[in-house]
C-alpha atoms as a PDB file:
ATOM      1  CA  MET A   1     -16.983 -20.814   3.494  1.00  0.00           C
ATOM      2  CA  THR A   2     -15.798 -17.625   5.223  1.00  0.00           C
ATOM      3  CA  GLY A   3     -15.113 -17.291   8.806  1.00  0.00           C
ATOM      4  CA  GLU A   4     -18.642 -16.362   9.342  1.00  0.00           C
ATOM      5  CA  ALA A   5     -20.067 -19.570   7.734  1.00  0.00           C
ATOM      6  CA  VAL A   6     -21.140 -17.687   4.636  1.00  0.00           C
ATOM      7  CA  GLU A   7     -20.768 -19.703   1.348  1.00  0.00           C
ATOM      8  CA  LEU A   8     -18.866 -17.895  -1.263  1.00  0.00           C
ATOM      9  CA  ASN A   9     -19.940 -17.903  -4.705  1.00  0.00           C
ATOM     10  CA  VAL A  10     -16.603 -18.998  -6.217  1.00  0.00           C
ATOM     11  CA  GLN A  11     -15.652 -21.914  -8.205  1.00  0.00           C
ATOM     12  CA  PRO A  12     -12.426 -23.630  -7.081  1.00  0.00           C
ATOM     13  CA  ALA A  13     -10.012 -24.167  -9.880  1.00  0.00           C
ATOM     14  CA  ALA A  14      -9.840 -27.549 -11.126  1.00  0.00           C
ATOM     15  CA  LEU A  15      -6.534 -29.559 -10.444  1.00  0.00           C
ATOM     16  CA  ALA A  16      -5.745 -29.913 -14.185  1.00  0.00           C
ATOM     17  CA  ALA A  17      -6.149 -26.185 -14.909  1.00  0.00           C
ATOM     18  CA  ARG A  18      -3.918 -25.467 -11.933  1.00  0.00           C
ATOM     19  CA  ALA A  19      -1.200 -27.912 -13.115  1.00  0.00           C
ATOM     20  CA  LEU A  20      -1.187 -26.472 -16.659  1.00  0.00           C
ATOM     21  CA  SER A  21      -1.049 -22.815 -15.194  1.00  0.00           C
ATOM     22  CA  CYS A  22       1.754 -23.902 -12.895  1.00  0.00           C
ATOM     23  CA  LEU A  23       3.616 -25.546 -15.816  1.00  0.00           C
ATOM     24  CA  ILE A  24       3.318 -22.155 -17.937  1.00  0.00           C
ATOM     25  CA  ASP A  25       4.749 -20.231 -15.043  1.00  0.00           C
ATOM     26  CA  TYR A  26       7.450 -22.675 -14.368  1.00  0.00           C
ATOM     27  CA  ILE A  27       8.464 -22.312 -18.016  1.00  0.00           C
ATOM     28  CA  VAL A  28       8.527 -18.587 -18.080  1.00  0.00           C
ATOM     29  CA  TYR A  29      10.300 -18.284 -14.774  1.00  0.00           C
ATOM     30  CA  SER A  30      12.920 -20.792 -16.029  1.00  0.00           C
ATOM     31  CA  LEU A  31      13.611 -18.868 -19.209  1.00  0.00           C
ATOM     32  CA  VAL A  32      13.832 -15.563 -17.163  1.00  0.00           C
ATOM     33  CA  ASN A  33      16.472 -17.426 -14.864  1.00  0.00           C
ATOM     34  CA  ILE A  34      18.373 -18.706 -17.914  1.00  0.00           C
ATOM     35  CA  GLY A  35      18.483 -15.242 -19.357  1.00  0.00           C
ATOM     36  CA  LEU A  36      19.608 -13.593 -16.235  1.00  0.00           C
ATOM     37  CA  LEU A  37      22.330 -16.205 -15.603  1.00  0.00           C
ATOM     38  CA  ILE A  38      23.506 -15.627 -19.223  1.00  0.00           C
ATOM     39  CA  ALA A  39      23.508 -11.893 -18.698  1.00  0.00           C
ATOM     40  CA  MET A  40      25.489 -12.285 -15.330  1.00  0.00           C
ATOM     41  CA  PHE A  41      28.122 -14.840 -16.974  1.00  0.00           C
ATOM     42  CA  TRP A  42      28.667 -12.156 -19.763  1.00  0.00           C
ATOM     43  CA  LEU A  43      29.062  -9.338 -17.241  1.00  0.00           C
ATOM     44  CA  MET A  44      31.517 -11.219 -15.199  1.00  0.00           C
ATOM     45  CA  LEU A  45      33.645 -12.104 -18.105  1.00  0.00           C
ATOM     46  CA  LYS A  46      33.879  -8.488 -19.110  1.00  0.00           C
ATOM     47  CA  VAL A  47      34.084  -6.591 -15.898  1.00  0.00           C
ATOM     48  CA  LEU A  48      35.156  -9.100 -13.101  1.00  0.00           C
ATOM     49  CA  ASP A  49      37.402 -12.106 -12.711  1.00  0.00           C
ATOM     50  CA  LEU A  50      35.792 -15.393 -12.467  1.00  0.00           C
ATOM     51  CA  ASN A  51      35.530 -16.457  -8.933  1.00  0.00           C
ATOM     52  CA  GLY A  52      33.962 -19.856  -8.026  1.00  0.00           C
ATOM     53  CA  LEU A  53      32.633 -18.630  -4.622  1.00  0.00           C
ATOM     54  CA  LEU A  54      31.321 -15.338  -6.030  1.00  0.00           C
ATOM     55  CA  LEU A  55      29.745 -17.230  -8.842  1.00  0.00           C
ATOM     56  CA  GLY A  56      27.951 -19.701  -6.632  1.00  0.00           C
ATOM     57  CA  SER A  57      26.747 -16.973  -4.435  1.00  0.00           C
ATOM     58  CA  LEU A  58      25.263 -14.863  -7.394  1.00  0.00           C
ATOM     59  CA  MET A  59      23.626 -17.844  -8.831  1.00  0.00           C
ATOM     60  CA  THR A  60      21.883 -18.602  -5.531  1.00  0.00           C
ATOM     61  CA  VAL A  61      20.754 -15.023  -5.273  1.00  0.00           C
ATOM     62  CA  MET A  62      19.442 -15.096  -8.734  1.00  0.00           C
ATOM     63  CA  THR A  63      17.550 -18.319  -8.300  1.00  0.00           C
ATOM     64  CA  ILE A  64      15.925 -17.028  -5.212  1.00  0.00           C
ATOM     65  CA  PHE A  65      14.910 -13.838  -6.940  1.00  0.00           C
ATOM     66  CA  VAL A  66      13.395 -15.598  -9.994  1.00  0.00           C
ATOM     67  CA  PHE A  67      11.638 -18.326  -8.125  1.00  0.00           C
ATOM     68  CA  VAL A  68      10.727 -16.676  -4.934  1.00  0.00           C
ATOM     69  CA  LEU A  69      10.551 -12.853  -5.033  1.00  0.00           C
ATOM     70  CA  LEU A  70       9.542 -12.539  -8.632  1.00  0.00           C
ATOM     71  CA  PRO A  71       6.474 -14.787  -8.453  1.00  0.00           C
ATOM     72  CA  MET A  72       5.442 -12.853  -5.254  1.00  0.00           C
ATOM     73  CA  LEU A  73       5.671  -9.415  -6.997  1.00  0.00           C
ATOM     74  CA  VAL A  74       3.737 -10.656  -9.967  1.00  0.00           C
ATOM     75  CA  GLU A  75       0.883 -12.060  -7.665  1.00  0.00           C
ATOM     76  CA  VAL A  76       0.676  -8.966  -5.569  1.00  0.00           C
ATOM     77  CA  LEU A  77       0.772  -6.428  -8.443  1.00  0.00           C
ATOM     78  CA  SER A  78      -1.682  -8.412 -10.501  1.00  0.00           C
ATOM     79  CA  HIS A  79      -4.161  -9.145  -7.594  1.00  0.00           C
ATOM     80  CA  GLY A  80      -3.716 -12.858  -7.525  1.00  0.00           C
ATOM     81  CA  ARG A  81      -2.678 -13.692 -11.023  1.00  0.00           C
ATOM     82  CA  SER A  82       0.312 -14.747 -13.064  1.00  0.00           C
ATOM     83  CA  LEU A  83       0.738 -15.318 -16.770  1.00  0.00           C
ATOM     84  CA  GLY A  84      -0.418 -18.970 -16.447  1.00  0.00           C
ATOM     85  CA  LYS A  85      -3.444 -18.042 -14.370  1.00  0.00           C
ATOM     86  CA  LEU A  86      -4.198 -15.330 -16.771  1.00  0.00           C
ATOM     87  CA  ILE A  87      -4.285 -17.758 -19.741  1.00  0.00           C
ATOM     88  CA  LEU A  88      -6.393 -20.264 -17.754  1.00  0.00           C
ATOM     89  CA  GLY A  89      -8.765 -17.773 -16.352  1.00  0.00           C
ATOM     90  CA  LEU A  90      -7.658 -18.410 -12.667  1.00  0.00           C
ATOM     91  CA  ARG A  91      -7.069 -16.147  -9.772  1.00  0.00           C
ATOM     92  CA  VAL A  92      -5.798 -16.745  -6.135  1.00  0.00           C
ATOM     93  CA  VAL A  93      -7.931 -15.095  -3.434  1.00  0.00           C
ATOM     94  CA  ARG A  94      -8.175 -15.402   0.198  1.00  0.00           C
ATOM     95  CA  ASP A  95     -10.303 -18.155   1.703  1.00  0.00           C
ATOM     96  CA  ASP A  96     -12.900 -15.381   2.573  1.00  0.00           C
ATOM     97  CA  GLY A  97     -12.913 -14.243  -1.155  1.00  0.00           C
ATOM     98  CA  GLY A  98     -10.842 -11.026  -0.456  1.00  0.00           C
ATOM     99  CA  ALA A  99      -7.647 -10.126  -2.612  1.00  0.00           C
ATOM    100  CA  VAL A 100      -4.553 -11.646  -1.603  1.00  0.00           C
ATOM    101  CA  ARG A 101      -1.992  -9.323   0.118  1.00  0.00           C
ATOM    102  CA  LEU A 102       1.713  -9.326   0.278  1.00  0.00           C
ATOM    103  CA  ARG A 103       1.944 -11.806   3.151  1.00  0.00           C
ATOM    104  CA  HIS A 104      -0.246 -14.299   1.539  1.00  0.00           C
ATOM    105  CA  SER A 105       1.867 -14.233  -1.726  1.00  0.00           C
ATOM    106  CA  PHE A 106       4.911 -14.273   0.241  1.00  0.00           C
ATOM    107  CA  ILE A 107       4.021 -17.491   1.888  1.00  0.00           C
ATOM    108  CA  ARG A 108       2.826 -19.155  -1.235  1.00  0.00           C
ATOM    109  CA  ALA A 109       6.050 -17.881  -3.151  1.00  0.00           C
ATOM    110  CA  LEU A 110       8.366 -19.231  -0.237  1.00  0.00           C
ATOM    111  CA  LEU A 111       7.005 -22.817  -0.702  1.00  0.00           C
ATOM    112  CA  TRP A 112       6.759 -22.700  -4.489  1.00  0.00           C
ATOM    113  CA  PRO A 113      10.361 -23.910  -4.955  1.00  0.00           C
ATOM    114  CA  PHE A 114       9.840 -26.853  -2.398  1.00  0.00           C
ATOM    115  CA  GLU A 115       6.464 -27.830  -3.874  1.00  0.00           C
ATOM    116  CA  VAL A 116       7.019 -27.301  -7.607  1.00  0.00           C
ATOM    117  CA  VAL A 117      10.671 -26.472  -8.645  1.00  0.00           C
ATOM    118  CA  SER A 118      12.618 -29.003  -6.601  1.00  0.00           C
ATOM    119  CA  ASN A 119      10.509 -32.156  -7.584  1.00  0.00           C
ATOM    120  CA  GLY A 120       8.634 -31.230 -10.758  1.00  0.00           C
ATOM    121  CA  GLY A 121       5.375 -30.358  -8.869  1.00  0.00           C
ATOM    122  CA  GLY A 122       5.057 -33.713  -7.466  1.00  0.00           C
ATOM    123  CA  ILE A 123       4.316 -32.363  -3.783  1.00  0.00           C
ATOM    124  CA  ALA A 124       1.799 -29.693  -5.204  1.00  0.00           C
ATOM    125  CA  ALA A 125       0.022 -32.400  -7.303  1.00  0.00           C
ATOM    126  CA  LEU A 126      -0.208 -34.828  -4.162  1.00  0.00           C
ATOM    127  CA  SER A 127      -1.759 -31.895  -2.025  1.00  0.00           C
ATOM    128  CA  GLY A 128      -4.117 -31.055  -4.974  1.00  0.00           C
ATOM    129  CA  LEU A 129      -5.058 -34.570  -5.263  1.00  0.00           C
ATOM    130  CA  LEU A 130      -5.915 -34.864  -1.674  1.00  0.00           C
ATOM    131  CA  SER A 131      -7.627 -31.572  -1.237  1.00  0.00           C
ATOM    132  CA  PRO A 132     -11.416 -31.048  -2.176  1.00  0.00           C
ATOM    133  CA  GLN A 133     -10.540 -27.546  -3.569  1.00  0.00           C
ATOM    134  CA  ALA A 134      -7.190 -28.518  -5.213  1.00  0.00           C
ATOM    135  CA  LYS A 135      -5.014 -26.665  -2.733  1.00  0.00           C
ATOM    136  CA  ARG A 136      -1.504 -26.925  -2.444  1.00  0.00           C
ATOM    137  CA  LEU A 137       0.562 -26.615   0.697  1.00  0.00           C
ATOM    138  CA  GLY A 138       1.138 -22.921   0.197  1.00  0.00           C
ATOM    139  CA  ASP A 139      -2.499 -22.299  -0.058  1.00  0.00           C
ATOM    140  CA  TYR A 140      -3.200 -23.975   3.357  1.00  0.00           C
ATOM    141  CA  LEU A 141      -0.455 -22.055   5.019  1.00  0.00           C
ATOM    142  CA  ALA A 142      -1.419 -18.775   3.493  1.00  0.00           C
ATOM    143  CA  GLY A 143      -5.127 -19.158   3.691  1.00  0.00           C
ATOM    144  CA  THR A 144      -5.904 -18.795  -0.018  1.00  0.00           C
ATOM    145  CA  ILE A 145      -7.606 -20.666  -2.700  1.00  0.00           C
ATOM    146  CA  ALA A 146      -7.211 -20.647  -6.597  1.00  0.00           C
ATOM    147  CA  VAL A 147     -10.645 -19.939  -8.132  1.00  0.00           C
ATOM    148  CA  SER A 148     -11.896 -19.901 -11.825  1.00  0.00           C
ATOM    149  CA  GLU A 149     -13.461 -16.868 -13.081  1.00  0.00           C
ATOM    150  CA  ARG A 150     -15.228 -18.260 -16.075  1.00  0.00           C
ATOM    151  CA  SER A 151     -17.083 -21.417 -15.093  1.00  0.00           C
ATOM    152  CA  ARG A 152     -19.810 -20.411 -12.466  1.00  0.00           C
ATOM    153  CA  PRO A 153     -22.793 -18.508 -13.430  1.00  0.00           C
ATOM    154  CA  LEU A 154     -23.266 -15.271 -11.569  1.00  0.00           C
ATOM    155  CA  PRO A 155     -25.860 -15.137  -8.729  1.00  0.00           C
ATOM    156  CA  PRO A 156     -29.108 -13.256  -9.062  1.00  0.00           C
ATOM    157  CA  MET A 157     -29.064  -9.988  -7.312  1.00  0.00           C
ATOM    158  CA  HIS A 158     -30.499  -6.451  -7.042  1.00  0.00           C
ATOM    159  CA  THR A 159     -28.621  -3.306  -7.670  1.00  0.00           C
ATOM    160  CA  HIS A 160     -29.381  -0.071  -6.039  1.00  0.00           C
ATOM    161  CA  VAL A 161     -28.157   3.462  -7.055  1.00  0.00           C
ATOM    162  CA  ALA A 162     -27.900   6.111  -4.402  1.00  0.00           C
ATOM    163  CA  PRO A 163     -29.793   9.340  -5.396  1.00  0.00           C
ATOM    164  CA  GLN A 164     -26.701  11.455  -5.264  1.00  0.00           C
ATOM    165  CA  LEU A 165     -24.950   9.041  -7.781  1.00  0.00           C
ATOM    166  CA  HIS A 166     -27.406   9.254 -10.733  1.00  0.00           C
ATOM    167  CA  ASP A 167     -25.891  12.311 -12.532  1.00  0.00           C
ATOM    168  CA  TRP A 168     -22.469  10.941 -12.083  1.00  0.00           C
ATOM    169  CA  LEU A 169     -23.478   7.394 -13.325  1.00  0.00           C
ATOM    170  CA  ASN A 170     -25.052   8.854 -16.506  1.00  0.00           C
ATOM    171  CA  ARG A 171     -21.660  10.017 -17.698  1.00  0.00           C
ATOM    172  CA  THR A 172     -19.533   7.175 -16.397  1.00  0.00           C
ATOM    173  CA  ASP A 173     -17.518   4.885 -18.714  1.00  0.00           C
ATOM    174  CA  VAL A 174     -17.489   1.224 -17.277  1.00  0.00           C
ATOM    175  CA  THR A 175     -16.519  -0.511 -20.588  1.00  0.00           C
ATOM    176  CA  THR A 176     -12.889  -1.411 -19.504  1.00  0.00           C
ATOM    177  CA  ILE A 177     -13.800  -3.286 -16.404  1.00  0.00           C
ATOM    178  CA  PRO A 178     -12.325  -6.992 -16.446  1.00  0.00           C
ATOM    179  CA  ASP A 179     -14.757  -9.661 -16.574  1.00  0.00           C
ATOM    180  CA  GLY A 180     -13.131 -11.351 -13.546  1.00  0.00           C
ATOM    181  CA  LEU A 181     -13.456  -8.295 -11.370  1.00  0.00           C
ATOM    182  CA  HIS A 182     -17.142  -7.836 -12.514  1.00  0.00           C
ATOM    183  CA  ARG A 183     -17.893 -11.306 -11.297  1.00  0.00           C
ATOM    184  CA  ARG A 184     -16.132 -10.959  -7.947  1.00  0.00           C
ATOM    185  CA  ILE A 185     -18.158  -7.606  -7.445  1.00  0.00           C
ATOM    186  CA  VAL A 186     -21.414  -9.354  -8.225  1.00  0.00           C
ATOM    187  CA  ALA A 187     -20.603 -12.191  -5.962  1.00  0.00           C
ATOM    188  CA  PHE A 188     -19.806  -9.874  -3.141  1.00  0.00           C
ATOM    189  CA  LEU A 189     -22.978  -7.834  -3.477  1.00  0.00           C
ATOM    190  CA  ALA A 190     -25.049 -10.958  -3.680  1.00  0.00           C
ATOM    191  CA  MET A 191     -23.658 -12.227  -0.165  1.00  0.00           C
ATOM    192  CA  ALA A 192     -23.055  -8.848   1.336  1.00  0.00           C
ATOM    193  CA  PRO A 193     -26.189  -9.024   3.527  1.00  0.00           C
ATOM    194  CA  GLN A 194     -24.990 -12.150   5.061  1.00  0.00           C
ATOM    195  CA  LEU A 195     -21.685 -10.786   6.150  1.00  0.00           C
ATOM    196  CA  GLY A 196     -20.842  -9.250   9.404  1.00  0.00           C
ATOM    197  CA  THR A 197     -20.330  -5.341   9.413  1.00  0.00           C
ATOM    198  CA  GLU A 198     -16.609  -5.315   9.497  1.00  0.00           C
ATOM    199  CA  SER A 199     -16.105  -8.000   6.976  1.00  0.00           C
ATOM    200  CA  ARG A 200     -18.530  -6.407   4.589  1.00  0.00           C
ATOM    201  CA  TRP A 201     -16.932  -2.903   5.018  1.00  0.00           C
ATOM    202  CA  GLN A 202     -13.201  -4.261   4.499  1.00  0.00           C
ATOM    203  CA  ARG A 203     -14.308  -6.507   1.529  1.00  0.00           C
ATOM    204  CA  ALA A 204     -16.119  -3.420   0.005  1.00  0.00           C
ATOM    205  CA  ILE A 205     -12.963  -1.063   0.261  1.00  0.00           C
ATOM    206  CA  GLU A 206     -10.751  -3.786  -1.250  1.00  0.00           C
ATOM    207  CA  LEU A 207     -12.963  -4.267  -4.244  1.00  0.00           C
ATOM    208  CA  ALA A 208     -13.675  -0.466  -4.620  1.00  0.00           C
ATOM    209  CA  THR A 209      -9.915   0.239  -4.588  1.00  0.00           C
ATOM    210  CA  GLU A 210      -9.440  -2.342  -7.374  1.00  0.00           C
ATOM    211  CA  LEU A 211     -12.381  -1.121  -9.511  1.00  0.00           C
ATOM    212  CA  ASN A 212     -11.405   2.500  -9.173  1.00  0.00           C
ATOM    213  CA  PRO A 213      -8.883   2.782 -11.928  1.00  0.00           C
ATOM    214  CA  TYR A 214     -11.273   1.190 -14.512  1.00  0.00           C
ATOM    215  CA  VAL A 215     -14.096   3.798 -13.893  1.00  0.00           C
ATOM    216  CA  ALA A 216     -13.937   7.341 -15.379  1.00  0.00           C
ATOM    217  CA  PRO A 217     -14.656   9.790 -14.026  1.00  0.00           C
ATOM    218  CA  ALA A 218     -14.155   8.731 -10.323  1.00  0.00           C
ATOM    219  CA  PRO A 219     -17.146   8.772  -8.029  1.00  0.00           C
ATOM    220  CA  PRO A 220     -18.091  11.855  -6.098  1.00  0.00           C
ATOM    221  CA  GLU A 221     -16.217  12.509  -2.818  1.00  0.00           C
ATOM    222  CA  GLY A 222     -17.858  10.927   0.111  1.00  0.00           C
ATOM    223  CA  THR A 223     -19.318   7.811  -1.906  1.00  0.00           C
ATOM    224  CA  PHE A 224     -19.448   4.611   0.271  1.00  0.00           C
ATOM    225  CA  PRO A 225     -17.490   1.857  -1.253  1.00  0.00           C
ATOM    226  CA  GLU A 226     -20.629  -0.464  -1.562  1.00  0.00           C
ATOM    227  CA  GLN A 227     -22.704   2.233  -3.124  1.00  0.00           C
ATOM    228  CA  PHE A 228     -19.918   2.686  -5.643  1.00  0.00           C
ATOM    229  CA  LEU A 229     -19.860  -0.972  -6.510  1.00  0.00           C
ATOM    230  CA  SER A 230     -23.591  -1.271  -6.763  1.00  0.00           C
ATOM    231  CA  ALA A 231     -23.865   1.748  -9.021  1.00  0.00           C
ATOM    232  CA  VAL A 232     -21.182   0.563 -11.294  1.00  0.00           C
ATOM    233  CA  ILE A 233     -22.826  -3.021 -11.703  1.00  0.00           C
ATOM    234  CA  HIS A 234     -26.104  -1.292 -12.318  1.00  0.00           C
ATOM    235  CA  ARG A 235     -24.469   0.943 -15.059  1.00  0.00           C
ATOM    236  CA  GLN A 236     -22.989  -2.098 -16.607  1.00  0.00           C
ATOM    237  CA  ARG A 237     -26.251  -3.775 -16.701  1.00  0.00           C
ATOM    238  CA  ILE A 238     -27.835  -0.738 -18.518  1.00  0.00           C
ATOM    239  CA  ALA A 239     -25.071  -0.672 -20.896  1.00  0.00           C
ATOM    240  CA  GLU A 240     -25.398  -4.405 -21.722  1.00  0.00           C
ATOM    241  CA  VAL A 241     -29.335  -3.918 -22.256  1.00  0.00           C
ATOM    242  CA  GLU A 242     -28.554  -1.174 -24.686  1.00  0.00           C
ATOM    243  CA  LYS A 243     -25.876  -3.037 -26.461  1.00  0.00           C
ATOM    244  CA  GLN A 244     -28.360  -5.886 -27.049  1.00  0.00           C
ATOM    245  CA  ARG A 245     -31.108  -3.507 -28.232  1.00  0.00           C
ATOM    246  CA  ARG A 246     -28.755  -1.865 -30.693  1.00  0.00           C
ATOM    247  CA  ARG A 247     -27.673  -5.348 -31.915  1.00  0.00           C
ATOM    248  CA  ALA A 248     -31.377  -6.244 -32.440  1.00  0.00           C
ATOM    249  CA  ASP A 249     -32.011  -2.974 -34.236  1.00  0.00           C
ATOM    250  CA  ARG A 250     -29.196  -3.577 -36.618  1.00  0.00           C
ATOM    251  CA  ALA A 251     -30.435  -7.275 -37.241  1.00  0.00           C
ATOM    252  CA  ASN A 252     -34.047  -6.025 -37.932  1.00  0.00           C
ATOM    253  CA  ALA A 253     -32.710  -3.372 -40.434  1.00  0.00           C
ATOM    254  CA  PHE A 254     -30.648  -6.021 -42.114  1.00  0.00           C
ATOM    255  CA  ARG A 255     -33.582  -8.374 -42.543  1.00  0.00           C
ATOM    256  CA  SER A 256     -35.724  -5.547 -43.697  1.00  0.00           C
ATOM    257  CA  GLY A 257     -33.189  -4.684 -46.396  1.00  0.00           C
ATOM    258  CA  VAL A 258     -33.010  -8.411 -47.525  1.00  0.00           C
ATOM    259  CA  ASP A 259     -36.697  -8.609 -47.603  1.00  0.00           C
ATOM    260  CA  SER A 260     -37.214  -5.391 -49.699  1.00  0.00           C
ATOM    261  CA  LEU A 261     -36.501  -5.218 -53.543  1.00  0.00           C
ATOM    262  CA  PRO A 262     -33.953  -2.815 -54.787  1.00  0.00           C
ATOM    263  CA  TYR A 263     -35.061   0.749 -55.517  1.00  0.00           C
ATOM    264  CA  GLY A 264     -37.231   1.206 -58.692  1.00  0.00           C
ATOM    265  CA  LEU A 265     -38.448  -2.460 -58.762  1.00  0.00           C
ATOM    266  CA  SER A 266     -41.984  -3.802 -58.145  1.00  0.00           C
ATOM    267  CA  LEU A 267     -43.529  -7.091 -58.115  1.00  0.00           C
ATOM    268  CA  THR A 268     -46.844  -5.743 -59.687  1.00  0.00           C
ATOM    269  CA  ARG A 269     -47.200  -5.648 -63.397  1.00  0.00           C
ATOM    270  CA  PRO A 270     -47.602  -2.024 -64.979  1.00  0.00           C
END
């Protein structure tokens, strides 16, 4: 539910999927940490004299970077994902369905060592078991939720193309749009009429900004974000219908070829 009591069409990630995603991330970040520590030791042996105090300080800084700052940067730059979430088809979004920002990722990353690294994920697992949406403490404090982008069917909706966008849409390539982004846009367009004006406008801007790099050419100047989103989804649906038609044509041609005799042969006697 959003702050306006509108039910979001998102599927909270299962606790098992979150746990496996967390394990993958933990292994990756641990390997990165080990690699950086080895490189740091080598550098100190070659360039500097070993100093216990300096070594301890560098190890602390390195650990904070790998287990706090690096996860935060990855989540912000990937719009709520990490390697583990990418493999499991998960994404972290705000409670209102919007993309996470720096402050959300920072709060989540700040608590990750406490919830996961320091105790093997025990605190995060306990929080997830007690939460109906499998949230960990960082999610509650940051106002975020991990969702699955693969499991829930897309809601029915009607797309509209503004008249000034028809010419642009006919020459637009939308084949590289990620499935997860497509699903979030469809979910937004389905619930948009129920949102308040400010929330609707802000969410449309966020999604349009995320969508823009995957669409070529860019929409005409002055296109409203929601018009852009609706037109692209409309173009994707047309492209899918055309793809299915071509597939059916190929199947029919194949069946016709199988049913017919080779050239020069006949079933009738001369």
